[in-house]
Amino acid sequence: MCRVATCLILATLGTAPTAAQSAAHRVLAEKLDLTQSPMGNVQLQIWSDKLDAIIANRRQLLSTVPNLNLKLTTTAFTTSFKDGDRTIVVSAVHYQCASSHDTPFKLECPARVVELRGRKIRLLAEVTDFPISAKRGEAGFDASTNSNTQYMTVLTFDPADQQIAAKVTYDGETSSETPIKLR
């Protein structure tokens, strides 16, 4: 069984090159094991230059509250789009996210949009405050998070304008965010 992002990427890589899909894709939470080799995980490759800082931050948290028995993991919020012979992957990592008491299920996290061609990854955009609307389940961000329709972020890739539009649903209300322009 593959992880959410891996399944999405494998599914899009397994199809024949076609025109870009402009369908809406939901951003899904995926547990990211920080002990894995980056070569075996696209999300870890996308964030390879930040892994040391993410791991150090997580280790500090683990040492602060050892009774919680936390694992060396974080969450990646991700989706992908097929565009001809490339796959566009959007990845937001649950690290240095901002939130407020007024909107407890809305995060603004660092995100990257990359292009995958074969085994090569090219950065197309970096966003410091990518909007994530997600409600934690009993075990953190999990399958219940991914199935909740009251709190979600949905992206649409526009191949003509080379941009990604985000619609954020928070407590059942949907709003549009500023599109991300790709390089």
C-alpha atoms as a PDB file:
ATOM      1  CA  MET A   1       0.000   0.000   0.000  1.00  0.00           C
ATOM      2  CA  CYS A   2       1.391   3.425  -0.917  1.00  0.00           C
ATOM      3  CA  ARG A   3       1.088   6.745   0.876  1.00  0.00           C
ATOM      4  CA  VAL A   4      -1.368   9.376  -0.391  1.00  0.00           C
ATOM      5  CA  ALA A   5       1.184  11.551  -2.222  1.00  0.00           C
ATOM      6  CA  THR A   6       3.067   8.546  -3.568  1.00  0.00           C
ATOM      7  CA  CYS A   7      -0.187   7.046  -4.866  1.00  0.00           C
ATOM      8  CA  LEU A   8      -1.163  10.338  -6.484  1.00  0.00           C
ATOM      9  CA  ILE A   9       2.212  10.719  -8.146  1.00  0.00           C
ATOM     10  CA  LEU A  10       2.382   7.094  -9.260  1.00  0.00           C
ATOM     11  CA  ALA A  11      -1.140   7.324 -10.663  1.00  0.00           C
ATOM     12  CA  THR A  12      -0.296  10.403 -12.696  1.00  0.00           C
ATOM     13  CA  LEU A  13       3.086   9.092 -13.802  1.00  0.00           C
ATOM     14  CA  GLY A  14       1.475   5.876 -15.003  1.00  0.00           C
ATOM     15  CA  THR A  15      -0.785   7.612 -17.507  1.00  0.00           C
ATOM     16  CA  ALA A  16       0.152   8.555 -21.041  1.00  0.00           C
ATOM     17  CA  PRO A  17       1.121  12.214 -21.563  1.00  0.00           C
ATOM     18  CA  THR A  18      -1.959  14.295 -22.254  1.00  0.00           C
ATOM     19  CA  ALA A  19      -2.993  17.907 -22.057  1.00  0.00           C
ATOM     20  CA  ALA A  20      -2.948  19.347 -18.554  1.00  0.00           C
ATOM     21  CA  GLN A  21      -5.755  18.417 -16.257  1.00  0.00           C
ATOM     22  CA  SER A  22      -7.596  21.457 -14.984  1.00  0.00           C
ATOM     23  CA  ALA A  23      -9.736  19.456 -12.581  1.00  0.00           C
ATOM     24  CA  ALA A  24      -9.870  20.464  -8.939  1.00  0.00           C
ATOM     25  CA  HIS A  25      -7.670  18.382  -6.638  1.00  0.00           C
ATOM     26  CA  ARG A  26      -7.984  18.304  -2.891  1.00  0.00           C
ATOM     27  CA  VAL A  27      -4.852  18.805  -0.797  1.00  0.00           C
ATOM     28  CA  LEU A  28      -4.480  15.674   1.340  1.00  0.00           C
ATOM     29  CA  ALA A  29      -2.587  15.147   4.590  1.00  0.00           C
ATOM     30  CA  GLU A  30       0.196  12.552   4.457  1.00  0.00           C
ATOM     31  CA  LYS A  31       2.339  11.400   7.380  1.00  0.00           C
ATOM     32  CA  LEU A  32       5.971  12.098   6.514  1.00  0.00           C
ATOM     33  CA  ASP A  33       8.517   9.801   8.206  1.00  0.00           C
ATOM     34  CA  LEU A  34      11.613  11.944   8.743  1.00  0.00           C
ATOM     35  CA  THR A  35      13.812   8.875   9.288  1.00  0.00           C
ATOM     36  CA  GLN A  36      13.389   7.670   5.687  1.00  0.00           C
ATOM     37  CA  SER A  37      15.959   8.257   2.988  1.00  0.00           C
ATOM     38  CA  PRO A  38      14.967  11.251   0.862  1.00  0.00           C
ATOM     39  CA  MET A  39      15.696   9.207  -2.269  1.00  0.00           C
ATOM     40  CA  GLY A  40      12.715   6.964  -1.474  1.00  0.00           C
ATOM     41  CA  ASN A  41      10.154   9.718  -0.909  1.00  0.00           C
ATOM     42  CA  VAL A  42       9.251  12.587  -3.253  1.00  0.00           C
ATOM     43  CA  GLN A  43       8.064  14.780  -0.361  1.00  0.00           C
ATOM     44  CA  LEU A  44      11.419  14.406   1.408  1.00  0.00           C
ATOM     45  CA  GLN A  45      13.203  15.240  -1.851  1.00  0.00           C
ATOM     46  CA  ILE A  46      11.114  18.395  -2.253  1.00  0.00           C
ATOM     47  CA  TRP A  47      12.085  19.510   1.265  1.00  0.00           C
ATOM     48  CA  SER A  48      15.631  18.071   1.335  1.00  0.00           C
ATOM     49  CA  ASP A  49      17.287  21.450   2.024  1.00  0.00           C
ATOM     50  CA  LYS A  50      15.017  22.009   5.061  1.00  0.00           C
ATOM     51  CA  LEU A  51      15.101  18.466   6.510  1.00  0.00           C
ATOM     52  CA  ASP A  52      17.867  19.151   9.042  1.00  0.00           C
ATOM     53  CA  ALA A  53      15.907  22.095  10.495  1.00  0.00           C
ATOM     54  CA  ILE A  54      12.608  20.182  10.466  1.00  0.00           C
ATOM     55  CA  ILE A  55      14.223  17.179  12.190  1.00  0.00           C
ATOM     56  CA  ALA A  56      15.975  19.389  14.772  1.00  0.00           C
ATOM     57  CA  ASN A  57      12.676  21.139  15.530  1.00  0.00           C
ATOM     58  CA  ARG A  58      10.873  17.818  15.920  1.00  0.00           C
ATOM     59  CA  ARG A  59      13.634  16.384  18.143  1.00  0.00           C
ATOM     60  CA  GLN A  60      13.422  19.447  20.365  1.00  0.00           C
ATOM     61  CA  LEU A  61       9.672  18.914  20.702  1.00  0.00           C
ATOM     62  CA  LEU A  62      10.232  15.217  21.460  1.00  0.00           C
ATOM     63  CA  SER A  63      12.716  16.048  24.231  1.00  0.00           C
ATOM     64  CA  THR A  64      10.402  18.699  25.689  1.00  0.00           C
ATOM     65  CA  VAL A  65       7.463  16.301  26.092  1.00  0.00           C
ATOM     66  CA  PRO A  66       8.973  12.767  26.202  1.00  0.00           C
ATOM     67  CA  ASN A  67       5.847  11.268  27.805  1.00  0.00           C
ATOM     68  CA  LEU A  68       3.874  11.786  24.583  1.00  0.00           C
ATOM     69  CA  ASN A  69       5.963   9.120  22.793  1.00  0.00           C
ATOM     70  CA  LEU A  70       5.936  11.135  19.577  1.00  0.00           C
ATOM     71  CA  LYS A  71       7.620   9.752  16.486  1.00  0.00           C
ATOM     72  CA  LEU A  72      10.079  11.564  14.241  1.00  0.00           C
ATOM     73  CA  THR A  73       7.397  12.502  11.705  1.00  0.00           C
ATOM     74  CA  THR A  74       5.580  15.521  10.383  1.00  0.00           C
ATOM     75  CA  THR A  75       2.698  16.053   7.962  1.00  0.00           C
ATOM     76  CA  ALA A  76       2.894  17.008   4.314  1.00  0.00           C
ATOM     77  CA  PHE A  77      -0.245  18.412   2.682  1.00  0.00           C
ATOM     78  CA  THR A  78      -0.055  17.530  -0.996  1.00  0.00           C
ATOM     79  CA  THR A  79      -1.662  17.002  -4.376  1.00  0.00           C
ATOM     80  CA  SER A  80      -0.474  16.693  -7.968  1.00  0.00           C
ATOM     81  CA  PHE A  81      -1.511  17.493 -11.538  1.00  0.00           C
ATOM     82  CA  LYS A  82      -0.481  15.866 -14.815  1.00  0.00           C
ATOM     83  CA  ASP A  83       0.633  18.332 -17.509  1.00  0.00           C
ATOM     84  CA  GLY A  84       1.887  16.588 -20.647  1.00  0.00           C
ATOM     85  CA  ASP A  85       5.122  14.767 -19.816  1.00  0.00           C
ATOM     86  CA  ARG A  86       5.480  16.380 -16.401  1.00  0.00           C
ATOM     87  CA  THR A  87       3.741  16.160 -13.066  1.00  0.00           C
ATOM     88  CA  ILE A  88       3.157  19.288 -10.996  1.00  0.00           C
ATOM     89  CA  VAL A  89       3.336  18.514  -7.262  1.00  0.00           C
ATOM     90  CA  VAL A  90       2.176  20.914  -4.562  1.00  0.00           C
ATOM     91  CA  SER A  91       3.658  20.176  -1.135  1.00  0.00           C
ATOM     92  CA  ALA A  92       3.072  22.106   2.081  1.00  0.00           C
ATOM     93  CA  VAL A  93       4.916  20.877   5.148  1.00  0.00           C
ATOM     94  CA  HIS A  94       3.614  21.201   8.711  1.00  0.00           C
ATOM     95  CA  TYR A  95       6.640  23.172   9.918  1.00  0.00           C
ATOM     96  CA  GLN A  96       6.763  26.821  10.933  1.00  0.00           C
ATOM     97  CA  CYS A  97       3.053  27.179  10.222  1.00  0.00           C
ATOM     98  CA  ALA A  98       1.057  30.139  11.463  1.00  0.00           C
ATOM     99  CA  SER A  99      -2.430  29.857  12.922  1.00  0.00           C
ATOM    100  CA  SER A 100      -4.744  31.862  15.141  1.00  0.00           C
ATOM    101  CA  HIS A 101      -7.228  31.242  17.920  1.00  0.00           C
ATOM    102  CA  ASP A 102      -9.973  32.737  15.734  1.00  0.00           C
ATOM    103  CA  THR A 103      -9.489  30.096  13.021  1.00  0.00           C
ATOM    104  CA  PRO A 104      -7.998  27.032  14.766  1.00  0.00           C
ATOM    105  CA  PHE A 105      -8.364  24.739  11.738  1.00  0.00           C
ATOM    106  CA  LYS A 106      -6.647  27.066   9.270  1.00  0.00           C
ATOM    107  CA  LEU A 107      -2.883  27.009   8.920  1.00  0.00           C
ATOM    108  CA  GLU A 108      -0.522  29.042   6.791  1.00  0.00           C
ATOM    109  CA  CYS A 109       2.434  26.795   6.038  1.00  0.00           C
ATOM    110  CA  PRO A 110       5.480  26.909   3.798  1.00  0.00           C
ATOM    111  CA  ALA A 111       4.746  25.257   0.454  1.00  0.00           C
ATOM    112  CA  ARG A 112       6.568  24.390  -2.715  1.00  0.00           C
ATOM    113  CA  VAL A 113       5.297  23.675  -6.195  1.00  0.00           C
ATOM    114  CA  VAL A 114       7.654  21.468  -8.172  1.00  0.00           C
ATOM    115  CA  GLU A 115       7.792  19.888 -11.583  1.00  0.00           C
ATOM    116  CA  LEU A 116       8.649  16.195 -11.882  1.00  0.00           C
ATOM    117  CA  ARG A 117      10.044  14.953 -15.191  1.00  0.00           C
ATOM    118  CA  GLY A 118      11.345  11.462 -14.878  1.00  0.00           C
ATOM    119  CA  ARG A 119      13.465  11.570 -11.720  1.00  0.00           C
ATOM    120  CA  LYS A 120      14.280  15.276 -11.929  1.00  0.00           C
ATOM    121  CA  ILE A 121      12.638  17.821  -9.641  1.00  0.00           C
ATOM    122  CA  ARG A 122      12.515  21.516 -10.526  1.00  0.00           C
ATOM    123  CA  LEU A 123      11.165  24.207  -8.201  1.00  0.00           C
ATOM    124  CA  LEU A 124       8.385  26.269  -9.844  1.00  0.00           C
ATOM    125  CA  ALA A 125       7.159  28.320  -6.876  1.00  0.00           C
ATOM    126  CA  GLU A 126       7.708  28.754  -3.174  1.00  0.00           C
ATOM    127  CA  VAL A 127       4.985  30.122  -0.894  1.00  0.00           C
ATOM    128  CA  THR A 128       5.605  31.129   2.731  1.00  0.00           C
ATOM    129  CA  ASP A 129       1.944  31.306   3.767  1.00  0.00           C
ATOM    130  CA  PHE A 130       0.103  28.570   1.842  1.00  0.00           C
ATOM    131  CA  PRO A 131      -3.488  28.205   3.184  1.00  0.00           C
ATOM    132  CA  ILE A 132      -4.383  24.823   4.683  1.00  0.00           C
ATOM    133  CA  SER A 133      -7.842  24.223   6.090  1.00  0.00           C
ATOM    134  CA  ALA A 134      -7.767  20.923   7.953  1.00  0.00           C
ATOM    135  CA  LYS A 135      -9.252  19.478  11.108  1.00  0.00           C
ATOM    136  CA  ARG A 136      -7.096  17.097  13.106  1.00  0.00           C
ATOM    137  CA  GLY A 137      -8.396  13.638  13.809  1.00  0.00           C
ATOM    138  CA  GLU A 138      -7.708  11.642  16.980  1.00  0.00           C
ATOM    139  CA  ALA A 139      -4.247  10.725  15.679  1.00  0.00           C
ATOM    140  CA  GLY A 140      -3.357  14.135  14.238  1.00  0.00           C
ATOM    141  CA  PHE A 141      -3.874  14.831  10.557  1.00  0.00           C
ATOM    142  CA  ASP A 142      -5.187  11.507   9.269  1.00  0.00           C
ATOM    143  CA  ALA A 143      -7.867   9.814   7.152  1.00  0.00           C
ATOM    144  CA  SER A 144     -10.626  11.698   9.009  1.00  0.00           C
ATOM    145  CA  THR A 145      -8.874  14.951   8.059  1.00  0.00           C
ATOM    146  CA  ASN A 146      -8.809  13.910   4.409  1.00  0.00           C
ATOM    147  CA  SER A 147     -12.505  13.002   4.368  1.00  0.00           C
ATOM    148  CA  ASN A 148     -13.779  16.122   6.169  1.00  0.00           C
ATOM    149  CA  THR A 149     -15.579  18.400   3.689  1.00  0.00           C
ATOM    150  CA  GLN A 150     -16.148  21.245   6.179  1.00  0.00           C
ATOM    151  CA  TYR A 151     -12.392  21.981   6.318  1.00  0.00           C
ATOM    152  CA  MET A 152     -10.356  21.512   3.133  1.00  0.00           C
ATOM    153  CA  THR A 153      -8.121  23.170   0.570  1.00  0.00           C
ATOM    154  CA  VAL A 154      -8.833  22.461  -3.110  1.00  0.00           C
ATOM    155  CA  LEU A 155      -6.445  23.454  -5.904  1.00  0.00           C
ATOM    156  CA  THR A 156      -6.965  23.902  -9.635  1.00  0.00           C
ATOM    157  CA  PHE A 157      -4.062  24.070 -12.098  1.00  0.00           C
ATOM    158  CA  ASP A 158      -4.531  26.371 -15.108  1.00  0.00           C
ATOM    159  CA  PRO A 159      -2.098  25.173 -17.803  1.00  0.00           C
ATOM    160  CA  ALA A 160      -2.680  28.190 -20.064  1.00  0.00           C
ATOM    161  CA  ASP A 161      -1.820  30.763 -17.382  1.00  0.00           C
ATOM    162  CA  GLN A 162       0.630  28.460 -15.552  1.00  0.00           C
ATOM    163  CA  GLN A 163      -0.920  29.139 -12.179  1.00  0.00           C
ATOM    164  CA  ILE A 164      -2.616  27.266  -9.376  1.00  0.00           C
ATOM    165  CA  ALA A 165      -5.769  28.635  -7.780  1.00  0.00           C
ATOM    166  CA  ALA A 166      -6.764  27.701  -4.235  1.00  0.00           C
ATOM    167  CA  LYS A 167     -10.234  27.501  -2.732  1.00  0.00           C
ATOM    168  CA  VAL A 168     -10.321  27.114   1.019  1.00  0.00           C
ATOM    169  CA  THR A 169     -13.361  25.717   2.795  1.00  0.00           C
ATOM    170  CA  TYR A 170     -13.467  26.615   6.478  1.00  0.00           C
ATOM    171  CA  ASP A 171     -16.460  25.576   8.597  1.00  0.00           C
ATOM    172  CA  GLY A 172     -18.370  24.930   5.356  1.00  0.00           C
ATOM    173  CA  GLU A 173     -17.714  28.412   3.883  1.00  0.00           C
ATOM    174  CA  THR A 174     -15.525  28.579   0.754  1.00  0.00           C
ATOM    175  CA  SER A 175     -13.257  31.464  -0.252  1.00  0.00           C
ATOM    176  CA  SER A 176     -10.762  31.952  -3.066  1.00  0.00           C
ATOM    177  CA  GLU A 177      -7.101  32.718  -2.408  1.00  0.00           C
ATOM    178  CA  THR A 178      -4.568  34.578  -4.551  1.00  0.00           C
ATOM    179  CA  PRO A 179      -3.345  32.220  -7.330  1.00  0.00           C
ATOM    180  CA  ILE A 180       0.200  30.895  -7.278  1.00  0.00           C
ATOM    181  CA  LYS A 181       2.067  31.815 -10.449  1.00  0.00           C
ATOM    182  CA  LEU A 182       4.556  29.223 -11.682  1.00  0.00           C
ATOM    183  CA  ARG A 183       7.965  29.994 -13.220  1.00  0.00           C
END
